[in-house]
Protein backbone atom coordinates (compact mmCIF):
# COMPACT_ATOMS: atom_id res chain seq x y z
CA MET A 1 126.23 136.95 152.54
CA TYR A 2 128.40 139.81 150.49
CA THR A 3 131.32 139.47 148.68
CA VAL A 4 134.28 141.67 147.85
CA TYR A 5 135.98 139.88 144.30
CA ILE A 6 138.82 141.28 142.78
CA LEU A 7 139.31 140.30 138.78
CA TYR A 8 141.99 140.93 136.34
CA SER A 9 142.19 141.04 133.10
CA GLN A 10 145.30 140.07 131.17
CA ARG A 11 143.72 141.10 127.60
CA ILE A 12 144.22 144.49 128.80
CA ASP A 13 146.37 144.24 132.62
CA GLN A 14 143.98 145.62 134.52
CA TYR A 15 142.34 144.89 138.11
CA TYR A 16 139.02 145.63 138.74
CA THR A 17 136.85 145.69 142.28
CA GLY A 18 133.37 145.13 143.02
CA HIS A 19 131.09 143.54 145.55
CA ALA A 20 127.92 141.37 144.80
CA GLN A 21 125.45 139.01 146.56
CA ASP A 22 125.92 136.47 143.73
CA LEU A 23 129.16 136.32 142.77
CA LYS A 24 129.53 133.80 140.12
CA ASP A 25 126.35 135.43 138.32
CA ARG A 26 128.22 138.58 139.11
CA CYS A 27 131.32 137.69 137.60
CA ARG A 28 129.43 135.76 134.59
CA ARG A 29 128.44 138.84 133.71
CA HIS A 30 131.64 140.51 133.86
CA ASN A 31 132.64 137.69 131.02
CA GLU A 32 129.65 138.43 128.36
CA GLY A 33 130.50 141.84 128.30
CA ARG A 34 127.56 143.17 130.00
CA SER A 35 129.11 145.15 132.23
CA LEU A 36 130.39 149.37 130.94
CA ALA A 37 132.93 149.43 133.27
CA THR A 38 134.58 146.04 132.28
CA LYS A 39 133.47 145.04 128.97
CA ARG A 40 137.10 145.77 127.37
CA GLY A 41 139.06 143.46 129.76
CA VAL A 42 136.77 140.28 128.70
CA PRO A 43 138.08 137.55 129.57
CA TRP A 44 138.55 138.16 133.44
CA GLU A 45 139.58 136.08 136.19
CA LEU A 46 138.32 135.59 139.44
CA LYS A 47 142.01 136.61 141.57
CA LYS A 48 140.46 137.08 145.24
CA ALA A 49 136.75 136.58 146.54
CA ILE A 50 136.69 138.09 150.73
CA ASP A 51 133.16 137.51 152.13
CA PHE A 52 131.04 139.92 154.50
CA GLY A 53 128.43 139.44 156.92
CA THR A 54 126.14 142.38 155.32
CA ARG A 55 126.44 144.63 152.10
CA SER A 56 127.65 147.80 154.56
CA GLU A 57 130.66 145.83 155.65
CA ALA A 58 131.18 145.06 151.73
CA MET A 59 130.95 148.50 150.29
CA LYS A 60 132.61 149.69 152.66
CA ALA A 61 135.96 146.93 151.86
CA GLU A 62 135.48 148.25 148.25
CA ASN A 63 135.55 151.23 148.63
CA TRP A 64 138.87 151.69 150.63
CA LEU A 65 140.33 148.92 148.37
CA LYS A 66 139.33 151.53 145.12
CA ARG A 67 140.00 154.54 147.35
CA MET A 68 143.66 153.59 147.93
CA LYS A 69 143.91 153.63 143.58
CA SER A 70 147.02 151.26 143.90
CA ARG A 71 147.90 148.06 141.70
CA LYS A 72 150.33 146.83 144.77
CA VAL A 73 147.35 147.02 147.39
CA ILE A 74 145.45 145.12 145.28
CA GLU A 75 148.25 142.50 144.74
CA LYS A 76 149.25 142.45 148.93
CA VAL A 77 144.97 142.11 149.11
CA ILE A 78 145.22 138.76 146.89
CA SER A 79 148.78 137.55 147.98
CA GLY A 80 146.91 137.92 151.71
CA GLU A 81 149.91 139.61 152.89
CA ILE A 82 146.85 142.86 153.50
CA ASN A 83 143.59 141.68 155.36
CA LEU A 84 140.31 143.41 153.98
CA ARG A 85 138.65 142.93 156.95
CA GLU A 86 141.55 144.11 159.39
CA VAL A 87 141.91 147.36 157.43
CA THR A 88 138.25 148.30 156.80
CA ASP A 89 137.67 148.14 160.66
């Protein structure tokens, strides 16, 4: 199982999206500053996690979300207004 996740940094007021097979470990690495993309935003808070059956499905969903380049879309996914599984079918 793979998980698409959305993190939020209050420090820099930004969201970050990614996918992982081991979400707990991946979040830990983000918060330890071991990811260049998220190092400056530590600490990160997990806002949403959506499980997918395969890596391919998770990557498709993550890529769709990143292509939107929209804070409003990310916040709608977090609130449940947009179902990430439905938009990537």
